[in-house]
C-alpha atoms as a PDB file:
ATOM      1  CA  MET A   1      49.111 168.228 163.520  1.00  0.00           C
ATOM      2  CA  GLN A   2      48.304 164.658 162.461  1.00  0.00           C
ATOM      3  CA  ASN A   3      47.581 165.529 158.827  1.00  0.00           C
ATOM      4  CA  LYS A   4      50.836 167.486 158.499  1.00  0.00           C
ATOM      5  CA  LEU A   5      53.221 164.779 159.676  1.00  0.00           C
ATOM      6  CA  TYR A   6      54.725 164.620 156.216  1.00  0.00           C
ATOM      7  CA  THR A   7      56.146 168.136 156.637  1.00  0.00           C
ATOM      8  CA  LEU A   8      58.113 167.250 159.788  1.00  0.00           C
ATOM      9  CA  ASP A   9      61.517 165.848 160.534  1.00  0.00           C
ATOM     10  CA  PRO A  10      61.207 162.036 160.807  1.00  0.00           C
ATOM     11  CA  SER A  11      62.101 162.061 164.514  1.00  0.00           C
ATOM     12  CA  GLU A  12      59.176 164.398 165.203  1.00  0.00           C
ATOM     13  CA  THR A  13      56.579 162.043 163.704  1.00  0.00           C
ATOM     14  CA  LEU A  14      57.086 158.834 165.678  1.00  0.00           C
ATOM     15  CA  GLU A  15      55.002 159.862 168.682  1.00  0.00           C
ATOM     16  CA  ASN A  16      51.974 160.094 166.381  1.00  0.00           C
ATOM     17  CA  LEU A  17      52.636 156.761 164.642  1.00  0.00           C
ATOM     18  CA  LYS A  18      52.008 154.428 167.577  1.00  0.00           C
ATOM     19  CA  GLU A  19      50.611 151.611 165.413  1.00  0.00           C
ATOM     20  CA  SER A  20      53.764 151.541 163.289  1.00  0.00           C
ATOM     21  CA  TYR A  21      56.158 149.374 165.265  1.00  0.00           C
ATOM     22  CA  PHE A  22      58.912 149.391 162.670  1.00  0.00           C
ATOM     23  CA  PRO A  23      59.790 151.240 159.450  1.00  0.00           C
ATOM     24  CA  PRO A  24      58.812 152.307 156.895  1.00  0.00           C
ATOM     25  CA  TYR A  25      56.728 154.935 158.684  1.00  0.00           C
ATOM     26  CA  ILE A  26      54.020 156.390 156.434  1.00  0.00           C
ATOM     27  CA  THR A  27      53.096 160.006 157.193  1.00  0.00           C
ATOM     28  CA  LEU A  28      50.902 160.743 154.154  1.00  0.00           C
ATOM     29  CA  ALA A  29      48.999 158.551 151.713  1.00  0.00           C
ATOM     30  CA  HIS A  30      46.269 160.121 149.636  1.00  0.00           C
ATOM     31  CA  LEU A  31      44.706 160.547 146.230  1.00  0.00           C
ATOM     32  CA  PHE A  32      44.736 164.187 145.179  1.00  0.00           C
ATOM     33  CA  HIS A  33      42.398 165.687 142.542  1.00  0.00           C
ATOM     34  CA  ALA A  34      43.999 169.005 141.567  1.00  0.00           C
ATOM     35  CA  PRO A  35      41.598 171.914 140.991  1.00  0.00           C
ATOM     36  CA  GLU A  36      41.890 173.882 137.755  1.00  0.00           C
ATOM     37  CA  GLY A  37      45.064 175.987 137.718  1.00  0.00           C
ATOM     38  CA  TRP A  38      46.518 174.346 140.834  1.00  0.00           C
ATOM     39  CA  SER A  39      50.234 174.527 141.557  1.00  0.00           C
ATOM     40  CA  LEU A  40      52.479 173.529 144.447  1.00  0.00           C
ATOM     41  CA  ASN A  41      54.849 176.293 145.507  1.00  0.00           C
ATOM     42  CA  PRO A  42      58.545 175.377 145.879  1.00  0.00           C
ATOM     43  CA  ARG A  43      59.078 173.345 149.034  1.00  0.00           C
ATOM     44  CA  VAL A  44      61.478 170.917 150.688  1.00  0.00           C
ATOM     45  CA  LEU A  45      60.373 167.773 152.554  1.00  0.00           C
ATOM     46  CA  LYS A  46      62.520 165.944 155.088  1.00  0.00           C
ATOM     47  CA  GLN A  47      61.151 162.544 154.075  1.00  0.00           C
ATOM     48  CA  PHE A  48      60.943 160.308 151.004  1.00  0.00           C
ATOM     49  CA  GLN A  49      58.019 160.670 148.610  1.00  0.00           C
ATOM     50  CA  LEU A  50      56.450 158.623 145.832  1.00  0.00           C
ATOM     51  CA  GLN A  51      54.224 160.543 143.416  1.00  0.00           C
ATOM     52  CA  TYR A  52      52.183 158.594 140.866  1.00  0.00           C
ATOM     53  CA  VAL A  53      49.998 160.110 138.132  1.00  0.00           C
ATOM     54  CA  ILE A  54      46.561 158.481 137.916  1.00  0.00           C
ATOM     55  CA  GLU A  55      45.199 160.850 135.258  1.00  0.00           C
ATOM     56  CA  GLY A  56      46.299 163.910 133.295  1.00  0.00           C
ATOM     57  CA  SER A  57      49.704 165.552 133.351  1.00  0.00           C
ATOM     58  CA  ALA A  58      51.720 168.221 135.144  1.00  0.00           C
ATOM     59  CA  ASP A  59      55.128 169.867 135.032  1.00  0.00           C
ATOM     60  CA  CYS A  60      57.376 169.003 137.968  1.00  0.00           C
ATOM     61  CA  GLN A  61      60.808 170.332 138.832  1.00  0.00           C
ATOM     62  CA  ILE A  62      63.054 168.562 141.344  1.00  0.00           C
ATOM     63  CA  GLU A  63      66.411 170.123 142.191  1.00  0.00           C
ATOM     64  CA  GLY A  64      66.394 171.978 138.867  1.00  0.00           C
ATOM     65  CA  ILE A  65      65.531 168.895 136.784  1.00  0.00           C
ATOM     66  CA  ASP A  66      62.329 169.267 134.751  1.00  0.00           C
ATOM     67  CA  TYR A  67      59.796 166.470 134.321  1.00  0.00           C
ATOM     68  CA  THR A  68      56.529 166.526 132.395  1.00  0.00           C
ATOM     69  CA  THR A  69      54.592 163.694 133.981  1.00  0.00           C
ATOM     70  CA  LYS A  70      51.665 161.851 132.416  1.00  0.00           C
ATOM     71  CA  LYS A  71      49.316 159.012 133.322  1.00  0.00           C
ATOM     72  CA  GLY A  72      51.245 156.104 134.822  1.00  0.00           C
ATOM     73  CA  ASP A  73      54.470 158.000 135.569  1.00  0.00           C
ATOM     74  CA  LEU A  74      56.071 157.486 138.982  1.00  0.00           C
ATOM     75  CA  LEU A  75      58.516 159.963 140.545  1.00  0.00           C
ATOM     76  CA  PHE A  76      60.661 159.311 143.611  1.00  0.00           C
ATOM     77  CA  TYR A  77      61.800 162.219 145.798  1.00  0.00           C
ATOM     78  CA  ILE A  78      64.546 161.988 148.407  1.00  0.00           C
ATOM     79  CA  PRO A  79      64.703 164.206 151.534  1.00  0.00           C
ATOM     80  CA  GLU A  80      65.847 167.832 151.339  1.00  0.00           C
ATOM     81  CA  GLU A  81      65.154 168.218 147.605  1.00  0.00           C
ATOM     82  CA  LEU A  82      63.607 171.493 146.436  1.00  0.00           C
ATOM     83  CA  HIS A  83      60.627 170.757 144.194  1.00  0.00           C
ATOM     84  CA  HIS A  84      57.470 172.302 142.808  1.00  0.00           C
ATOM     85  CA  ILE A  85      54.577 171.249 140.575  1.00  0.00           C
ATOM     86  CA  LYS A  86      52.389 173.111 138.111  1.00  0.00           C
ATOM     87  CA  THR A  87      49.339 171.723 136.343  1.00  0.00           C
ATOM     88  CA  LEU A  88      48.964 172.274 132.603  1.00  0.00           C
ATOM     89  CA  PRO A  89      46.191 174.480 131.165  1.00  0.00           C
ATOM     90  CA  GLY A  90      43.132 172.459 130.232  1.00  0.00           C
ATOM     91  CA  LYS A  91      44.587 169.247 131.655  1.00  0.00           C
ATOM     92  CA  ASN A  92      43.229 167.250 134.568  1.00  0.00           C
ATOM     93  CA  TYR A  93      45.693 166.129 137.201  1.00  0.00           C
ATOM     94  CA  VAL A  94      45.027 163.295 139.641  1.00  0.00           C
ATOM     95  CA  CYS A  95      47.916 161.816 141.564  1.00  0.00           C
ATOM     96  CA  VAL A  96      48.793 159.528 144.445  1.00  0.00           C
ATOM     97  CA  SER A  97      51.252 160.863 147.033  1.00  0.00           C
ATOM     98  CA  ILE A  98      52.971 158.603 149.561  1.00  0.00           C
ATOM     99  CA  VAL A  99      55.363 160.258 152.041  1.00  0.00           C
ATOM    100  CA  PHE A 100      57.404 158.025 154.344  1.00  0.00           C
ATOM    101  CA  HIS A 101      60.654 157.612 156.250  1.00  0.00           C
ATOM    102  CA  PHE A 102      62.678 154.949 158.072  1.00  0.00           C
ATOM    103  CA  GLY A 103      63.172 156.707 161.397  1.00  0.00           C
ATOM    104  CA  ASP A 104      66.630 156.089 162.845  1.00  0.00           C
ATOM    105  CA  THR A 105      67.099 152.961 160.749  1.00  0.00           C
ATOM    106  CA  GLU A 106      69.799 153.347 158.113  1.00  0.00           C
ATOM    107  CA  PHE A 107      67.851 151.544 155.434  1.00  0.00           C
ATOM    108  CA  PRO A 108      69.676 151.518 152.041  1.00  0.00           C
ATOM    109  CA  ILE A 109      66.624 152.467 150.004  1.00  0.00           C
ATOM    110  CA  LEU A 110      68.624 154.303 147.331  1.00  0.00           C
ATOM    111  CA  ASP A 111      70.760 151.227 146.698  1.00  0.00           C
ATOM    112  CA  LEU A 112      67.676 149.013 146.698  1.00  0.00           C
ATOM    113  CA  ILE A 113      65.867 150.868 143.934  1.00  0.00           C
ATOM    114  CA  GLY A 114      69.036 151.917 142.092  1.00  0.00           C
ATOM    115  CA  PHE A 115      68.564 155.661 142.623  1.00  0.00           C
ATOM    116  CA  ARG A 116      71.551 157.793 141.675  1.00  0.00           C
ATOM    117  CA  ARG A 117      71.997 161.288 140.296  1.00  0.00           C
ATOM    118  CA  GLU A 118      75.434 160.925 138.711  1.00  0.00           C
ATOM    119  CA  GLY A 119      75.317 160.131 135.012  1.00  0.00           C
ATOM    120  CA  VAL A 120      71.523 159.810 134.937  1.00  0.00           C
ATOM    121  CA  GLU A 121      69.469 162.319 132.963  1.00  0.00           C
ATOM    122  CA  ASN A 122      66.198 161.794 134.857  1.00  0.00           C
ATOM    123  CA  PRO A 123      67.123 160.170 138.182  1.00  0.00           C
ATOM    124  CA  HIS A 124      63.737 160.688 139.879  1.00  0.00           C
ATOM    125  CA  TYR A 125      61.745 159.010 137.110  1.00  0.00           C
ATOM    126  CA  MET A 126      61.048 155.408 138.111  1.00  0.00           C
ATOM    127  CA  GLY A 127      59.095 154.483 134.971  1.00  0.00           C
ATOM    128  CA  ASN A 128      55.547 154.237 133.676  1.00  0.00           C
ATOM    129  CA  PHE A 129      53.362 151.748 135.523  1.00  0.00           C
ATOM    130  CA  SER A 130      49.951 152.395 133.974  1.00  0.00           C
ATOM    131  CA  GLU A 131      47.738 149.317 134.383  1.00  0.00           C
ATOM    132  CA  ARG A 132      50.567 147.532 136.230  1.00  0.00           C
ATOM    133  CA  SER A 133      50.474 145.959 139.682  1.00  0.00           C
ATOM    134  CA  ILE A 134      52.258 148.919 141.299  1.00  0.00           C
ATOM    135  CA  GLU A 135      49.287 151.159 140.475  1.00  0.00           C
ATOM    136  CA  ASN A 136      46.912 148.762 142.189  1.00  0.00           C
ATOM    137  CA  GLN A 137      49.210 148.492 145.222  1.00  0.00           C
ATOM    138  CA  LEU A 138      49.319 152.277 145.582  1.00  0.00           C
ATOM    139  CA  LEU A 139      45.527 152.552 145.508  1.00  0.00           C
ATOM    140  CA  GLU A 140      45.146 149.678 147.948  1.00  0.00           C
ATOM    141  CA  LEU A 141      47.627 151.381 150.291  1.00  0.00           C
ATOM    142  CA  ILE A 142      45.480 154.522 150.292  1.00  0.00           C
ATOM    143  CA  HIS A 143      42.405 152.471 151.151  1.00  0.00           C
ATOM    144  CA  HIS A 144      44.064 150.766 154.131  1.00  0.00           C
ATOM    145  CA  ASN A 145      45.673 153.985 155.357  1.00  0.00           C
ATOM    146  CA  ARG A 146      42.229 155.397 156.186  1.00  0.00           C
ATOM    147  CA  GLN A 147      41.291 152.510 158.464  1.00  0.00           C
ATOM    148  CA  PRO A 148      41.988 153.144 162.178  1.00  0.00           C
ATOM    149  CA  CYS A 149      43.493 149.893 163.423  1.00  0.00           C
ATOM    150  CA  ILE A 150      46.838 148.124 163.552  1.00  0.00           C
ATOM    151  CA  TYR A 151      45.896 145.544 160.894  1.00  0.00           C
ATOM    152  CA  HIS A 152      45.394 148.215 158.242  1.00  0.00           C
ATOM    153  CA  GLN A 153      48.536 150.075 159.275  1.00  0.00           C
ATOM    154  CA  GLN A 154      50.586 146.904 158.927  1.00  0.00           C
ATOM    155  CA  ARG A 155      48.994 146.273 155.521  1.00  0.00           C
ATOM    156  CA  CYS A 156      50.084 149.764 154.470  1.00  0.00           C
ATOM    157  CA  GLN A 157      53.669 149.097 155.484  1.00  0.00           C
ATOM    158  CA  HIS A 158      53.623 145.719 153.758  1.00  0.00           C
ATOM    159  CA  LEU A 159      52.271 147.266 150.553  1.00  0.00           C
ATOM    160  CA  LEU A 160      54.856 150.062 150.600  1.00  0.00           C
ATOM    161  CA  MET A 161      57.719 147.591 150.924  1.00  0.00           C
ATOM    162  CA  GLY A 162      56.156 145.578 148.103  1.00  0.00           C
ATOM    163  CA  ILE A 163      56.152 148.683 145.917  1.00  0.00           C
ATOM    164  CA  LEU A 164      59.785 149.445 146.742  1.00  0.00           C
ATOM    165  CA  LEU A 165      60.774 145.859 145.983  1.00  0.00           C
ATOM    166  CA  ALA A 166      58.865 146.028 142.686  1.00  0.00           C
ATOM    167  CA  LEU A 167      60.903 149.131 141.827  1.00  0.00           C
ATOM    168  CA  ALA A 168      64.045 147.179 142.726  1.00  0.00           C
ATOM    169  CA  ASP A 169      62.926 144.392 140.383  1.00  0.00           C
ATOM    170  CA  ALA A 170      62.259 146.941 137.637  1.00  0.00           C
ATOM    171  CA  ASN A 171      65.727 148.392 138.154  1.00  0.00           C
ATOM    172  CA  ASN A 172      67.303 144.957 137.918  1.00  0.00           C
ATOM    173  CA  ARG A 173      65.364 144.205 134.746  1.00  0.00           C
ATOM    174  CA  LYS A 174      66.429 147.537 133.291  1.00  0.00           C
ATOM    175  CA  ALA A 175      70.068 146.724 133.992  1.00  0.00           C
ATOM    176  CA  ALA A 176      69.690 143.509 132.013  1.00  0.00           C
ATOM    177  CA  ALA A 177      67.500 145.039 129.289  1.00  0.00           C
ATOM    178  CA  SER A 178      69.983 144.586 126.475  1.00  0.00           C
ATOM    179  CA  VAL A 179      70.202 140.830 127.128  1.00  0.00           C
ATOM    180  CA  ILE A 180      66.460 140.416 127.595  1.00  0.00           C
ATOM    181  CA  GLU A 181      65.558 142.305 124.429  1.00  0.00           C
ATOM    182  CA  GLU A 182      67.724 139.914 122.412  1.00  0.00           C
ATOM    183  CA  SER A 183      65.832 136.913 123.695  1.00  0.00           C
ATOM    184  CA  ALA A 184      63.486 135.440 121.100  1.00  0.00           C
ATOM    185  CA  GLY A 185      61.440 133.888 123.880  1.00  0.00           C
ATOM    186  CA  THR A 186      60.936 137.262 125.507  1.00  0.00           C
ATOM    187  CA  ALA A 187      59.882 138.751 122.181  1.00  0.00           C
ATOM    188  CA  LYS A 188      57.240 136.041 121.804  1.00  0.00           C
ATOM    189  CA  LEU A 189      55.971 136.625 125.331  1.00  0.00           C
ATOM    190  CA  ILE A 190      55.651 140.335 124.650  1.00  0.00           C
ATOM    191  CA  LEU A 191      53.791 139.490 121.446  1.00  0.00           C
ATOM    192  CA  ILE A 192      51.395 137.261 123.405  1.00  0.00           C
ATOM    193  CA  ARG A 193      50.872 139.893 126.089  1.00  0.00           C
ATOM    194  CA  ASN A 194      50.180 142.594 123.498  1.00  0.00           C
ATOM    195  CA  PHE A 195      47.708 140.304 121.749  1.00  0.00           C
ATOM    196  CA  ILE A 196      45.825 139.744 125.012  1.00  0.00           C
ATOM    197  CA  ASP A 197      45.856 143.511 125.629  1.00  0.00           C
ATOM    198  CA  SER A 198      44.209 144.006 122.234  1.00  0.00           C
ATOM    199  CA  ARG A 199      41.506 141.434 123.058  1.00  0.00           C
ATOM    200  CA  LEU A 200      40.428 142.909 126.399  1.00  0.00           C
ATOM    201  CA  ARG A 201      36.738 142.912 125.510  1.00  0.00           C
ATOM    202  CA  GLU A 202      36.316 139.790 123.404  1.00  0.00           C
ATOM    203  CA  GLY A 203      38.932 137.629 125.143  1.00  0.00           C
ATOM    204  CA  PHE A 204      41.096 135.019 123.450  1.00  0.00           C
ATOM    205  CA  ARG A 205      41.368 131.295 122.748  1.00  0.00           C
ATOM    206  CA  HIS A 206      44.548 129.396 123.614  1.00  0.00           C
ATOM    207  CA  GLU A 207      44.647 128.111 120.040  1.00  0.00           C
ATOM    208  CA  GLU A 208      45.213 131.723 118.956  1.00  0.00           C
ATOM    209  CA  LEU A 209      48.166 132.064 121.315  1.00  0.00           C
ATOM    210  CA  GLU A 210      49.615 128.783 120.025  1.00  0.00           C
ATOM    211  CA  GLN A 211      49.366 129.981 116.410  1.00  0.00           C
ATOM    212  CA  LEU A 212      50.879 133.317 117.350  1.00  0.00           C
ATOM    213  CA  SER A 213      53.914 131.894 119.169  1.00  0.00           C
ATOM    214  CA  GLY A 214      54.413 128.387 117.792  1.00  0.00           C
ATOM    215  CA  TRP A 215      54.463 127.078 121.378  1.00  0.00           C
ATOM    216  CA  SER A 216      52.204 124.533 123.055  1.00  0.00           C
ATOM    217  CA  ARG A 217      49.489 125.642 125.452  1.00  0.00           C
ATOM    218  CA  ASN A 218      51.293 124.318 128.529  1.00  0.00           C
ATOM    219  CA  TYR A 219      54.583 125.922 127.521  1.00  0.00           C
ATOM    220  CA  ILE A 220      52.864 129.274 126.940  1.00  0.00           C
ATOM    221  CA  ILE A 221      51.295 129.164 130.392  1.00  0.00           C
ATOM    222  CA  LEU A 222      54.606 128.184 132.024  1.00  0.00           C
ATOM    223  CA  GLN A 223      56.691 130.873 130.276  1.00  0.00           C
ATOM    224  CA  PHE A 224      54.044 133.571 130.691  1.00  0.00           C
ATOM    225  CA  ARG A 225      53.739 132.848 134.411  1.00  0.00           C
ATOM    226  CA  ASN A 226      57.518 132.893 134.866  1.00  0.00           C
ATOM    227  CA  SER A 227      57.793 136.289 133.161  1.00  0.00           C
ATOM    228  CA  PHE A 228      54.649 138.089 134.333  1.00  0.00           C
ATOM    229  CA  GLY A 229      53.711 136.294 137.539  1.00  0.00           C
ATOM    230  CA  MET A 230      50.344 135.023 136.280  1.00  0.00           C
ATOM    231  CA  SER A 231      48.811 132.854 133.558  1.00  0.00           C
ATOM    232  CA  PRO A 232      47.473 134.415 130.324  1.00  0.00           C
ATOM    233  CA  LEU A 233      43.888 134.029 131.565  1.00  0.00           C
ATOM    234  CA  GLN A 234      44.735 135.605 134.927  1.00  0.00           C
ATOM    235  CA  TYR A 235      46.404 138.463 133.072  1.00  0.00           C
ATOM    236  CA  LEU A 236      43.251 139.009 130.994  1.00  0.00           C
ATOM    237  CA  VAL A 237      41.135 139.193 134.166  1.00  0.00           C
ATOM    238  CA  TRP A 238      43.655 141.594 135.724  1.00  0.00           C
ATOM    239  CA  ILE A 239      43.707 144.055 132.800  1.00  0.00           C
ATOM    240  CA  ARG A 240      39.900 143.928 132.624  1.00  0.00           C
ATOM    241  CA  LEU A 241      39.616 144.881 136.306  1.00  0.00           C
ATOM    242  CA  GLU A 242      42.241 147.624 135.978  1.00  0.00           C
ATOM    243  CA  LYS A 243      40.332 149.047 132.994  1.00  0.00           C
ATOM    244  CA  ALA A 244      37.085 148.832 134.986  1.00  0.00           C
ATOM    245  CA  LYS A 245      38.683 150.880 137.791  1.00  0.00           C
ATOM    246  CA  GLU A 246      39.839 153.483 135.286  1.00  0.00           C
ATOM    247  CA  LEU A 247      36.387 153.769 133.688  1.00  0.00           C
ATOM    248  CA  ALA A 248      34.661 153.962 137.072  1.00  0.00           C
ATOM    249  CA  LEU A 249      36.912 156.815 138.195  1.00  0.00           C
ATOM    250  CA  GLN A 250      37.021 158.821 134.998  1.00  0.00           C
ATOM    251  CA  SER A 251      34.160 158.099 132.589  1.00  0.00           C
ATOM    252  CA  GLY A 252      30.899 158.457 134.522  1.00  0.00           C
ATOM    253  CA  MET A 253      29.643 155.237 132.866  1.00  0.00           C
ATOM    254  CA  SER A 254      27.120 153.016 134.645  1.00  0.00           C
ATOM    255  CA  PHE A 255      28.466 149.857 136.217  1.00  0.00           C
ATOM    256  CA  GLY A 256      26.556 147.770 133.671  1.00  0.00           C
ATOM    257  CA  SER A 257      28.186 149.662 130.805  1.00  0.00           C
ATOM    258  CA  ILE A 258      31.592 149.258 132.443  1.00  0.00           C
ATOM    259  CA  ALA A 259      31.068 145.504 132.761  1.00  0.00           C
ATOM    260  CA  THR A 260      30.189 145.277 129.058  1.00  0.00           C
ATOM    261  CA  ALA A 261      33.126 147.492 128.058  1.00  0.00           C
ATOM    262  CA  VAL A 262      35.613 145.158 129.748  1.00  0.00           C
ATOM    263  CA  GLY A 263      34.148 141.930 128.388  1.00  0.00           C
ATOM    264  CA  TYR A 264      31.510 140.795 130.902  1.00  0.00           C
ATOM    265  CA  SER A 265      27.970 140.340 129.603  1.00  0.00           C
ATOM    266  CA  ASP A 266      26.644 139.493 133.092  1.00  0.00           C
ATOM    267  CA  ILE A 267      27.008 142.397 135.545  1.00  0.00           C
ATOM    268  CA  HIS A 268      26.487 140.064 138.520  1.00  0.00           C
ATOM    269  CA  SER A 269      29.358 137.791 137.461  1.00  0.00           C
ATOM    270  CA  PHE A 270      31.507 140.860 136.907  1.00  0.00           C
ATOM    271  CA  GLY A 271      30.632 142.184 140.370  1.00  0.00           C
ATOM    272  CA  LYS A 272      31.553 138.901 142.039  1.00  0.00           C
ATOM    273  CA  ILE A 273      34.889 138.685 140.209  1.00  0.00           C
ATOM    274  CA  PHE A 274      35.720 142.313 141.013  1.00  0.00           C
ATOM    275  CA  LYS A 275      35.000 141.907 144.730  1.00  0.00           C
ATOM    276  CA  ARG A 276      36.872 138.599 144.947  1.00  0.00           C
ATOM    277  CA  LYS A 277      39.994 140.008 143.291  1.00  0.00           C
ATOM    278  CA  VAL A 278      40.021 143.561 144.704  1.00  0.00           C
ATOM    279  CA  GLY A 279      38.425 142.960 148.095  1.00  0.00           C
ATOM    280  CA  LEU A 280      35.810 145.672 147.526  1.00  0.00           C
ATOM    281  CA  SER A 281      32.796 146.084 145.283  1.00  0.00           C
ATOM    282  CA  LEU A 282      33.252 148.555 142.425  1.00  0.00           C
ATOM    283  CA  SER A 283      31.019 151.107 144.158  1.00  0.00           C
ATOM    284  CA  GLN A 284      32.989 150.738 147.415  1.00  0.00           C
ATOM    285  CA  PHE A 285      36.242 151.129 145.507  1.00  0.00           C
ATOM    286  CA  VAL A 286      35.111 154.403 143.922  1.00  0.00           C
ATOM    287  CA  ALA A 287      33.618 155.751 147.157  1.00  0.00           C
ATOM    288  CA  THR A 288      36.814 155.013 149.076  1.00  0.00           C
ATOM    289  CA  LEU A 289      39.102 156.854 146.654  1.00  0.00           C
ATOM    290  CA  TYR A 290      36.980 159.982 146.433  1.00  0.00           C
ATOM    291  CA  LYS A 291      37.131 160.814 150.153  1.00  0.00           C
ATOM    292  CA  ASP A 292      40.465 162.629 150.009  1.00  0.00           C
ATOM    293  CA  THR A 293      40.797 166.403 150.115  1.00  0.00           C
ATOM    294  CA  PRO A 294      43.466 168.362 148.236  1.00  0.00           C
ATOM    295  CA  ASP A 295      46.867 168.943 149.775  1.00  0.00           C
ATOM    296  CA  ARG A 296      47.342 172.667 149.280  1.00  0.00           C
END
C-alpha cells in the first residue's frame, strides 16, 4: 500500500504520511531507469506530478498534447489528466518522478507557477533545467525521501516548495523576457556565463572576464551574483560538480578520471569539495540514486 500512495485520492494518503504535518504531501519520489522498450500505459492520477528527464528521451502525451522530452526537460501534470509515455527505440530514458498533493488546503499552485492551458501550445512544459539548481534539488529530494525520520521528510517538503518557487521565478522571468533580452548588461552577463561554461576544465582568470565585458572585477562579481545567485567562481565550482554527477551516473569513468575531466588535478581536493557542497561523497551520491526500482 505504502509504495502506491501516488495512485490514490489525496484524502486516502494522509493516514500513511504521519511525518508530514502540513502540505505539500509527497507520495512518490524516485529515480526511474526505464528498461529497453518500456512504456507507461494510459493512466490518470489524482495528484500533481513533476517529471524530469535526467538522461535520454521519450514521447509523452498529456490530455492529447504530444511532448518529446529530452535531457533536462521538466513536465508538470495536474490531477485527472490522461497521460502515457513511450520510450524511443535505441534511446535510454532516466527520469525523476515526484507525485504530491496539498490535502484539503486550497493552495493556488497553478497561479504560482503560471500554469494555464488557454492560449498556450505546450502548457505542461516548464522548461529545460539541465545543469541548473532545480536538477540538484530534485536529486537531493529523492535522497532525503528514503530516510525514515521527520527531519528528512521536512527536508523533502522544503525542497519541493523550493522547486515550485524556482518555477514561479522562471515564469516571472519569462513574462519579462522581452525587456531582459534588450538589456545590454544582461547580454554581457550571459556572455560571461557562457565563457565560464566553456572553461569548465581549465578554469578562468578574472582578467579574462574583465576583457570580455569591459567591467571591473568587483562589478562583475556584483552583477553576476545578482543575476545568478552566486559569484563567477562559485558558478564554476557548481557546474564542475554537476558535470561530475553526470559523468559518475552515465560514463562508467573512475573517480580519478572524473576529477581530472572537471578540472581537479588532485582527487582528494575534489572529494573534499564535492562532499562539502553536496553533503555526500561521490560514491555515496551514486549509490543512493541507484537504489530505486522501476515504476511499472
